[in-house]
Amino acid sequence: MNTESDSSQNKDIQNDDLDEFVEFTTDIDPELVEICNDSGAQTTEAKSIYMTSRNIARKIVGDDTLEDRIRQRCVISTGDPSVAEIMKFKKNPIESGVKAIKNGSPIFVDIRMLKAGITTKGHNCDIICVLDRDKDAEIAHKYGITRTAAGFLKCKDELDGAIIAIGNAPSAAITVCRLIEHGVRPALLVGTPVGFVNSAESKEMVRNMDVPSITCEGTRGGTPIAVASVNELVSIAREHENCE
């Protein structure tokens, strides 16, 4: 492996004019760029891609309710139109989530990938990965539980009025449900853990809790759906503020 040659070539690329590397991956529609209000899409190309995808999702899902908007975004994030059919909304989750975002309530997530995916623009909410609250996995090792479950136990006194988003770990969703049974009251629980072990069961538990929730049925799910749900709530909250 010739590392010196590779390094020299990379240096040449960095020093060259970048014009030859710049090429749009989609046709740019100026009208779509103009009407795009998604905080995650900041450049011309990103806005055009987002709005083109959004128009396709509207045709697939429909565009009659705010719940449809969440479904649209989840379809875009997965590339799977059937995801719209498994999304479930309980106890006015959009109203509760939007209110929490406008109030600057914290957003607690199970893994760092989810934290990285949630937009930091358009709101003043702290985004907290529970893994960072139990960095040495002290609670996890002490009780023999998963690190995500331990992380939520570590944060149990901070969850009232917060948004909780779980996109990966069924064990975390089950732990949060147990905390809710003991009186913890988040503003919204987004639960979309994925997999063949306790995924479907944990999301059914979430739906049976007396808190607003957004979930999906069955073994499908994952971080992209949780990210999409929260980011669309941020977009809706921004629109509400602009109308006030």
C-alpha atoms as a PDB file:
ATOM      1  CA  MET A   1       0.000   0.000   0.000  1.00  0.00           C
ATOM      2  CA  ASN A   2       1.587   3.244  -1.156  1.00  0.00           C
ATOM      3  CA  THR A   3       0.448   5.704   1.488  1.00  0.00           C
ATOM      4  CA  GLU A   4       2.780   8.482   0.316  1.00  0.00           C
ATOM      5  CA  SER A   5       1.317   8.351  -3.200  1.00  0.00           C
ATOM      6  CA  ASP A   6      -2.251   8.292  -1.843  1.00  0.00           C
ATOM      7  CA  SER A   7      -1.512  11.227   0.449  1.00  0.00           C
ATOM      8  CA  SER A   8       0.028  13.228  -2.385  1.00  0.00           C
ATOM      9  CA  GLN A   9      -2.939  12.533  -4.645  1.00  0.00           C
ATOM     10  CA  ASN A  10      -5.417  13.624  -1.950  1.00  0.00           C
ATOM     11  CA  LYS A  11      -3.440  16.821  -1.448  1.00  0.00           C
ATOM     12  CA  ASP A  12      -3.610  17.539  -5.169  1.00  0.00           C
ATOM     13  CA  ILE A  13      -7.384  17.051  -5.130  1.00  0.00           C
ATOM     14  CA  GLN A  14      -7.765  19.397  -2.173  1.00  0.00           C
ATOM     15  CA  ASN A  15      -5.676  22.038  -3.914  1.00  0.00           C
ATOM     16  CA  ASP A  16      -7.376  21.712  -7.301  1.00  0.00           C
ATOM     17  CA  ASP A  17     -10.366  23.745  -8.343  1.00  0.00           C
ATOM     18  CA  LEU A  18     -13.455  21.874  -7.145  1.00  0.00           C
ATOM     19  CA  ASP A  19     -15.635  22.893 -10.086  1.00  0.00           C
ATOM     20  CA  GLU A  20     -15.117  19.617 -11.918  1.00  0.00           C
ATOM     21  CA  PHE A  21     -16.423  17.648  -8.934  1.00  0.00           C
ATOM     22  CA  VAL A  22     -19.615  19.671  -8.564  1.00  0.00           C
ATOM     23  CA  GLU A  23     -22.628  18.179 -10.269  1.00  0.00           C
ATOM     24  CA  PHE A  24     -26.270  18.166  -9.256  1.00  0.00           C
ATOM     25  CA  THR A  25     -27.729  14.717  -8.647  1.00  0.00           C
ATOM     26  CA  THR A  26     -31.238  15.822  -9.529  1.00  0.00           C
ATOM     27  CA  ASP A  27     -32.876  18.446 -11.743  1.00  0.00           C
ATOM     28  CA  ILE A  28     -33.306  21.639  -9.795  1.00  0.00           C
ATOM     29  CA  ASP A  29     -36.830  23.032  -9.736  1.00  0.00           C
ATOM     30  CA  PRO A  30     -36.620  26.685  -8.572  1.00  0.00           C
ATOM     31  CA  GLU A  31     -40.257  26.669  -7.457  1.00  0.00           C
ATOM     32  CA  LEU A  32     -39.664  23.675  -5.191  1.00  0.00           C
ATOM     33  CA  VAL A  33     -36.561  25.314  -3.759  1.00  0.00           C
ATOM     34  CA  GLU A  34     -38.532  28.475  -3.062  1.00  0.00           C
ATOM     35  CA  ILE A  35     -41.312  26.751  -1.108  1.00  0.00           C
ATOM     36  CA  CYS A  36     -39.094  24.348   0.848  1.00  0.00           C
ATOM     37  CA  ASN A  37     -39.302  25.161   4.555  1.00  0.00           C
ATOM     38  CA  ASP A  38     -37.552  22.127   5.989  1.00  0.00           C
ATOM     39  CA  SER A  39     -34.735  23.185   8.321  1.00  0.00           C
ATOM     40  CA  GLY A  40     -32.626  20.162   7.423  1.00  0.00           C
ATOM     41  CA  ALA A  41     -32.448  21.070   3.744  1.00  0.00           C
ATOM     42  CA  GLN A  42     -30.247  24.146   3.495  1.00  0.00           C
ATOM     43  CA  THR A  43     -28.682  24.117   0.015  1.00  0.00           C
ATOM     44  CA  THR A  44     -30.337  24.434  -3.386  1.00  0.00           C
ATOM     45  CA  GLU A  45     -29.800  20.789  -4.264  1.00  0.00           C
ATOM     46  CA  ALA A  46     -30.890  19.514  -0.851  1.00  0.00           C
ATOM     47  CA  LYS A  47     -34.094  21.549  -0.980  1.00  0.00           C
ATOM     48  CA  SER A  48     -34.952  20.316  -4.458  1.00  0.00           C
ATOM     49  CA  ILE A  49     -34.315  16.679  -3.513  1.00  0.00           C
ATOM     50  CA  TYR A  50     -36.382  17.014  -0.363  1.00  0.00           C
ATOM     51  CA  MET A  51     -39.350  18.667  -2.052  1.00  0.00           C
ATOM     52  CA  THR A  52     -39.311  16.236  -4.975  1.00  0.00           C
ATOM     53  CA  SER A  53     -39.371  13.342  -2.508  1.00  0.00           C
ATOM     54  CA  ARG A  54     -42.100  15.071  -0.533  1.00  0.00           C
ATOM     55  CA  ASN A  55     -44.352  15.441  -3.558  1.00  0.00           C
ATOM     56  CA  ILE A  56     -43.959  11.748  -4.345  1.00  0.00           C
ATOM     57  CA  ALA A  57     -44.762  10.840  -0.729  1.00  0.00           C
ATOM     58  CA  ARG A  58     -47.874  13.051  -0.771  1.00  0.00           C
ATOM     59  CA  LYS A  59     -49.214  11.089  -3.734  1.00  0.00           C
ATOM     60  CA  ILE A  60     -48.522   7.797  -1.968  1.00  0.00           C
ATOM     61  CA  VAL A  61     -49.787   8.680   1.498  1.00  0.00           C
ATOM     62  CA  GLY A  62     -52.251  11.515   0.995  1.00  0.00           C
ATOM     63  CA  ASP A  63     -52.005  14.951   2.556  1.00  0.00           C
ATOM     64  CA  ASP A  64     -55.138  15.493   4.610  1.00  0.00           C
ATOM     65  CA  THR A  65     -53.875  15.525   8.210  1.00  0.00           C
ATOM     66  CA  LEU A  66     -50.794  16.279  10.264  1.00  0.00           C
ATOM     67  CA  GLU A  67     -50.518  12.535  10.825  1.00  0.00           C
ATOM     68  CA  ASP A  68     -50.200  12.182   7.057  1.00  0.00           C
ATOM     69  CA  ARG A  69     -47.210  14.493   7.188  1.00  0.00           C
ATOM     70  CA  ILE A  70     -45.480  12.227   9.689  1.00  0.00           C
ATOM     71  CA  ARG A  71     -46.302   9.234   7.484  1.00  0.00           C
ATOM     72  CA  GLN A  72     -44.921  11.018   4.416  1.00  0.00           C
ATOM     73  CA  ARG A  73     -41.626  11.729   6.105  1.00  0.00           C
ATOM     74  CA  CYS A  74     -41.317   8.170   7.378  1.00  0.00           C
ATOM     75  CA  VAL A  75     -41.947   6.855   3.857  1.00  0.00           C
ATOM     76  CA  ILE A  76     -39.233   9.167   2.521  1.00  0.00           C
ATOM     77  CA  SER A  77     -36.757   8.134   5.220  1.00  0.00           C
ATOM     78  CA  THR A  78     -37.204   4.424   4.543  1.00  0.00           C
ATOM     79  CA  GLY A  79     -37.988   4.411   0.811  1.00  0.00           C
ATOM     80  CA  ASP A  80     -40.835   2.063   1.722  1.00  0.00           C
ATOM     81  CA  PRO A  81     -44.415   3.182   0.930  1.00  0.00           C
ATOM     82  CA  SER A  82     -45.873   0.420   3.122  1.00  0.00           C
ATOM     83  CA  VAL A  83     -44.422   2.075   6.232  1.00  0.00           C
ATOM     84  CA  ALA A  84     -47.331   4.522   6.108  1.00  0.00           C
ATOM     85  CA  GLU A  85     -49.696   1.648   6.849  1.00  0.00           C
ATOM     86  CA  ILE A  86     -47.970   0.576  10.078  1.00  0.00           C
ATOM     87  CA  MET A  87     -47.663   3.998  11.732  1.00  0.00           C
ATOM     88  CA  LYS A  88     -49.851   4.418  14.833  1.00  0.00           C
ATOM     89  CA  PHE A  89     -50.758   7.624  16.688  1.00  0.00           C
ATOM     90  CA  LYS A  90     -52.218   7.561  20.202  1.00  0.00           C
ATOM     91  CA  LYS A  91     -53.522  10.315  22.493  1.00  0.00           C
ATOM     92  CA  ASN A  92     -52.888  13.378  20.310  1.00  0.00           C
ATOM     93  CA  PRO A  93     -49.120  12.945  19.953  1.00  0.00           C
ATOM     94  CA  ILE A  94     -48.637  15.675  17.369  1.00  0.00           C
ATOM     95  CA  GLU A  95     -50.291  18.330  19.507  1.00  0.00           C
ATOM     96  CA  SER A  96     -48.282  17.237  22.552  1.00  0.00           C
ATOM     97  CA  GLY A  97     -45.010  16.972  20.631  1.00  0.00           C
ATOM     98  CA  VAL A  98     -45.380  20.363  18.974  1.00  0.00           C
ATOM     99  CA  LYS A  99     -46.173  22.001  22.308  1.00  0.00           C
ATOM    100  CA  ALA A 100     -43.106  20.400  23.908  1.00  0.00           C
ATOM    101  CA  ILE A 101     -40.863  21.560  21.067  1.00  0.00           C
ATOM    102  CA  LYS A 102     -42.203  25.107  21.242  1.00  0.00           C
ATOM    103  CA  ASN A 103     -41.563  25.052  25.011  1.00  0.00           C
ATOM    104  CA  GLY A 104     -37.963  23.961  24.469  1.00  0.00           C
ATOM    105  CA  SER A 105     -38.417  20.655  26.286  1.00  0.00           C
ATOM    106  CA  PRO A 106     -35.481  18.219  26.133  1.00  0.00           C
ATOM    107  CA  ILE A 107     -35.460  15.332  23.671  1.00  0.00           C
ATOM    108  CA  PHE A 108     -34.043  12.094  25.093  1.00  0.00           C
ATOM    109  CA  VAL A 109     -32.921   9.429  22.597  1.00  0.00           C
ATOM    110  CA  ASP A 110     -31.639   5.881  22.910  1.00  0.00           C
ATOM    111  CA  ILE A 111     -28.603   5.933  20.582  1.00  0.00           C
ATOM    112  CA  ARG A 112     -26.211   8.482  19.135  1.00  0.00           C
ATOM    113  CA  MET A 113     -27.301   7.826  15.558  1.00  0.00           C
ATOM    114  CA  LEU A 114     -30.745   9.126  16.455  1.00  0.00           C
ATOM    115  CA  LYS A 115     -29.268  12.189  18.122  1.00  0.00           C
ATOM    116  CA  ALA A 116     -27.179  12.871  15.026  1.00  0.00           C
ATOM    117  CA  GLY A 117     -30.227  12.624  12.768  1.00  0.00           C
ATOM    118  CA  ILE A 118     -32.479  15.058  14.623  1.00  0.00           C
ATOM    119  CA  THR A 119     -32.178  18.587  13.275  1.00  0.00           C
ATOM    120  CA  THR A 120     -30.697  21.165  15.618  1.00  0.00           C
ATOM    121  CA  LYS A 121     -32.316  24.031  13.716  1.00  0.00           C
ATOM    122  CA  GLY A 122     -35.773  25.469  14.255  1.00  0.00           C
ATOM    123  CA  HIS A 123     -36.013  24.722  17.984  1.00  0.00           C
ATOM    124  CA  ASN A 124     -34.277  25.267  21.328  1.00  0.00           C
ATOM    125  CA  CYS A 125     -34.545  21.726  22.665  1.00  0.00           C
ATOM    126  CA  ASP A 126     -31.522  19.954  24.067  1.00  0.00           C
ATOM    127  CA  ILE A 127     -31.023  16.566  22.393  1.00  0.00           C
ATOM    128  CA  ILE A 128     -29.651  14.098  24.921  1.00  0.00           C
ATOM    129  CA  CYS A 129     -28.454  10.568  24.203  1.00  0.00           C
ATOM    130  CA  VAL A 130     -29.001   8.510  27.354  1.00  0.00           C
ATOM    131  CA  LEU A 131     -25.812   6.516  26.654  1.00  0.00           C
ATOM    132  CA  ASP A 132     -23.886   9.662  27.546  1.00  0.00           C
ATOM    133  CA  ARG A 133     -25.471   9.758  31.007  1.00  0.00           C
ATOM    134  CA  ASP A 134     -24.075   6.345  31.994  1.00  0.00           C
ATOM    135  CA  LYS A 135     -20.763   6.460  30.128  1.00  0.00           C
ATOM    136  CA  ASP A 136     -19.082   3.807  32.257  1.00  0.00           C
ATOM    137  CA  ALA A 137     -22.153   1.541  32.004  1.00  0.00           C
ATOM    138  CA  GLU A 138     -22.183   1.338  35.793  1.00  0.00           C
ATOM    139  CA  ILE A 139     -25.927   0.722  36.043  1.00  0.00           C
ATOM    140  CA  ALA A 140     -25.930  -1.618  33.052  1.00  0.00           C
ATOM    141  CA  HIS A 141     -23.226  -3.839  34.560  1.00  0.00           C
ATOM    142  CA  LYS A 142     -24.677  -3.710  38.047  1.00  0.00           C
ATOM    143  CA  TYR A 143     -28.077  -5.020  36.954  1.00  0.00           C
ATOM    144  CA  GLY A 144     -27.064  -6.918  33.812  1.00  0.00           C
ATOM    145  CA  ILE A 145     -29.323  -4.845  31.543  1.00  0.00           C
ATOM    146  CA  THR A 146     -28.699  -3.107  28.229  1.00  0.00           C
ATOM    147  CA  ARG A 147     -26.878   0.222  28.199  1.00  0.00           C
ATOM    148  CA  THR A 148     -29.854   2.009  26.638  1.00  0.00           C
ATOM    149  CA  ALA A 149     -32.222   0.734  29.334  1.00  0.00           C
ATOM    150  CA  ALA A 150     -29.699   1.782  31.984  1.00  0.00           C
ATOM    151  CA  GLY A 151     -29.389   5.196  30.367  1.00  0.00           C
ATOM    152  CA  PHE A 152     -33.100   5.883  30.705  1.00  0.00           C
ATOM    153  CA  LEU A 153     -33.012   4.738  34.328  1.00  0.00           C
ATOM    154  CA  LYS A 154     -30.192   7.228  34.885  1.00  0.00           C
ATOM    155  CA  CYS A 155     -32.370   9.996  33.392  1.00  0.00           C
ATOM    156  CA  LYS A 156     -35.626   9.001  35.103  1.00  0.00           C
ATOM    157  CA  ASP A 157     -35.935  12.240  37.075  1.00  0.00           C
ATOM    158  CA  GLU A 158     -35.636  14.361  33.916  1.00  0.00           C
ATOM    159  CA  LEU A 159     -38.233  12.687  31.712  1.00  0.00           C
ATOM    160  CA  ASP A 160     -41.398  14.462  32.861  1.00  0.00           C
ATOM    161  CA  GLY A 161     -42.575  16.777  30.081  1.00  0.00           C
ATOM    162  CA  ALA A 162     -39.786  15.638  27.745  1.00  0.00           C
ATOM    163  CA  ILE A 163     -39.913  14.041  24.318  1.00  0.00           C
ATOM    164  CA  ILE A 164     -38.518  10.503  24.324  1.00  0.00           C
ATOM    165  CA  ALA A 165     -37.483   8.972  21.003  1.00  0.00           C
ATOM    166  CA  ILE A 166     -36.426   5.323  20.800  1.00  0.00           C
ATOM    167  CA  GLY A 167     -35.504   4.009  17.372  1.00  0.00           C
ATOM    168  CA  ASN A 168     -33.338   1.015  18.099  1.00  0.00           C
ATOM    169  CA  ALA A 169     -33.662  -0.699  21.464  1.00  0.00           C
ATOM    170  CA  PRO A 170     -36.801  -2.590  22.546  1.00  0.00           C
ATOM    171  CA  SER A 171     -35.295  -2.916  26.030  1.00  0.00           C
ATOM    172  CA  ALA A 172     -35.213   0.872  26.310  1.00  0.00           C
ATOM    173  CA  ALA A 173     -38.862   1.144  25.262  1.00  0.00           C
ATOM    174  CA  ILE A 174     -39.872  -1.479  27.843  1.00  0.00           C
ATOM    175  CA  THR A 175     -37.890   0.315  30.555  1.00  0.00           C
ATOM    176  CA  VAL A 176     -39.539   3.642  29.731  1.00  0.00           C
ATOM    177  CA  CYS A 177     -42.957   1.970  29.856  1.00  0.00           C
ATOM    178  CA  ARG A 178     -42.150   0.671  33.353  1.00  0.00           C
ATOM    179  CA  LEU A 179     -41.115   4.160  34.406  1.00  0.00           C
ATOM    180  CA  ILE A 180     -44.420   5.492  33.056  1.00  0.00           C
ATOM    181  CA  GLU A 181     -46.273   2.856  35.064  1.00  0.00           C
ATOM    182  CA  HIS A 182     -44.512   4.288  38.133  1.00  0.00           C
ATOM    183  CA  GLY A 183     -45.582   7.855  37.422  1.00  0.00           C
ATOM    184  CA  VAL A 184     -43.128   9.325  34.897  1.00  0.00           C
ATOM    185  CA  ARG A 185     -44.989  11.474  32.372  1.00  0.00           C
ATOM    186  CA  PRO A 186     -43.164  12.402  29.158  1.00  0.00           C
ATOM    187  CA  ALA A 187     -44.892  14.808  26.789  1.00  0.00           C
ATOM    188  CA  LEU A 188     -44.441  12.333  23.938  1.00  0.00           C
ATOM    189  CA  LEU A 189     -42.979   8.875  23.450  1.00  0.00           C
ATOM    190  CA  VAL A 190     -41.818   8.021  19.929  1.00  0.00           C
ATOM    191  CA  GLY A 191     -41.185   4.288  19.972  1.00  0.00           C
ATOM    192  CA  THR A 192     -40.024   2.576  16.783  1.00  0.00           C
ATOM    193  CA  PRO A 193     -37.512  -0.078  17.903  1.00  0.00           C
ATOM    194  CA  VAL A 194     -36.656  -2.662  15.289  1.00  0.00           C
ATOM    195  CA  GLY A 195     -35.885  -6.379  15.326  1.00  0.00           C
ATOM    196  CA  PHE A 196     -37.165  -9.848  16.108  1.00  0.00           C
ATOM    197  CA  VAL A 197     -36.718  -9.837  19.895  1.00  0.00           C
ATOM    198  CA  ASN A 198     -39.299  -7.785  21.823  1.00  0.00           C
ATOM    199  CA  SER A 199     -39.644  -5.165  19.084  1.00  0.00           C
ATOM    200  CA  ALA A 200     -43.326  -5.711  18.302  1.00  0.00           C
ATOM    201  CA  GLU A 201     -44.120  -6.387  21.970  1.00  0.00           C
ATOM    202  CA  SER A 202     -42.367  -3.251  23.234  1.00  0.00           C
ATOM    203  CA  LYS A 203     -44.233  -1.042  20.771  1.00  0.00           C
ATOM    204  CA  GLU A 204     -47.530  -2.601  21.823  1.00  0.00           C
ATOM    205  CA  MET A 205     -46.606  -1.735  25.410  1.00  0.00           C
ATOM    206  CA  VAL A 206     -45.964   1.861  24.348  1.00  0.00           C
ATOM    207  CA  ARG A 207     -49.388   2.072  22.695  1.00  0.00           C
ATOM    208  CA  ASN A 208     -51.016   0.860  25.908  1.00  0.00           C
ATOM    209  CA  MET A 209     -49.419   3.560  28.039  1.00  0.00           C
ATOM    210  CA  ASP A 210     -51.414   6.594  29.145  1.00  0.00           C
ATOM    211  CA  VAL A 211     -49.113   9.019  27.301  1.00  0.00           C
ATOM    212  CA  PRO A 212     -49.109  10.421  23.755  1.00  0.00           C
ATOM    213  CA  SER A 213     -47.167   8.134  21.429  1.00  0.00           C
ATOM    214  CA  ILE A 214     -46.064   7.542  17.867  1.00  0.00           C
ATOM    215  CA  THR A 215     -45.179   3.943  17.039  1.00  0.00           C
ATOM    216  CA  CYS A 216     -45.192   1.420  14.221  1.00  0.00           C
ATOM    217  CA  GLU A 217     -46.580  -2.103  14.249  1.00  0.00           C
ATOM    218  CA  GLY A 218     -44.631  -5.329  14.039  1.00  0.00           C
ATOM    219  CA  THR A 219     -40.915  -6.034  13.811  1.00  0.00           C
ATOM    220  CA  ARG A 220     -40.172  -3.199  11.393  1.00  0.00           C
ATOM    221  CA  GLY A 221     -39.023   0.163  12.651  1.00  0.00           C
ATOM    222  CA  GLY A 222     -35.646   1.726  13.267  1.00  0.00           C
ATOM    223  CA  THR A 223     -33.829   4.981  13.822  1.00  0.00           C
ATOM    224  CA  PRO A 224     -34.817   6.558  10.451  1.00  0.00           C
ATOM    225  CA  ILE A 225     -38.502   6.388  11.399  1.00  0.00           C
ATOM    226  CA  ALA A 226     -37.900   7.916  14.826  1.00  0.00           C
ATOM    227  CA  VAL A 227     -35.745  10.677  13.309  1.00  0.00           C
ATOM    228  CA  ALA A 228     -38.335  11.390  10.628  1.00  0.00           C
ATOM    229  CA  SER A 229     -41.129  11.637  13.198  1.00  0.00           C
ATOM    230  CA  VAL A 230     -39.272  14.102  15.417  1.00  0.00           C
ATOM    231  CA  ASN A 231     -37.998  16.220  12.529  1.00  0.00           C
ATOM    232  CA  GLU A 232     -41.468  16.552  11.070  1.00  0.00           C
ATOM    233  CA  LEU A 233     -42.761  17.663  14.465  1.00  0.00           C
ATOM    234  CA  VAL A 234     -40.059  20.352  14.448  1.00  0.00           C
ATOM    235  CA  SER A 235     -41.221  21.503  11.001  1.00  0.00           C
ATOM    236  CA  ILE A 236     -44.843  21.648  12.150  1.00  0.00           C
ATOM    237  CA  ALA A 237     -43.869  23.572  15.291  1.00  0.00           C
ATOM    238  CA  ARG A 238     -41.946  26.132  13.204  1.00  0.00           C
ATOM    239  CA  GLU A 239     -44.948  26.639  10.930  1.00  0.00           C
ATOM    240  CA  HIS A 240     -47.220  27.192  13.921  1.00  0.00           C
ATOM    241  CA  GLU A 241     -44.858  29.819  15.317  1.00  0.00           C
ATOM    242  CA  ASN A 242     -44.737  31.622  11.972  1.00  0.00           C
ATOM    243  CA  CYS A 243     -48.538  31.741  11.880  1.00  0.00           C
ATOM    244  CA  GLU A 244     -48.884  33.195  15.362  1.00  0.00           C
END
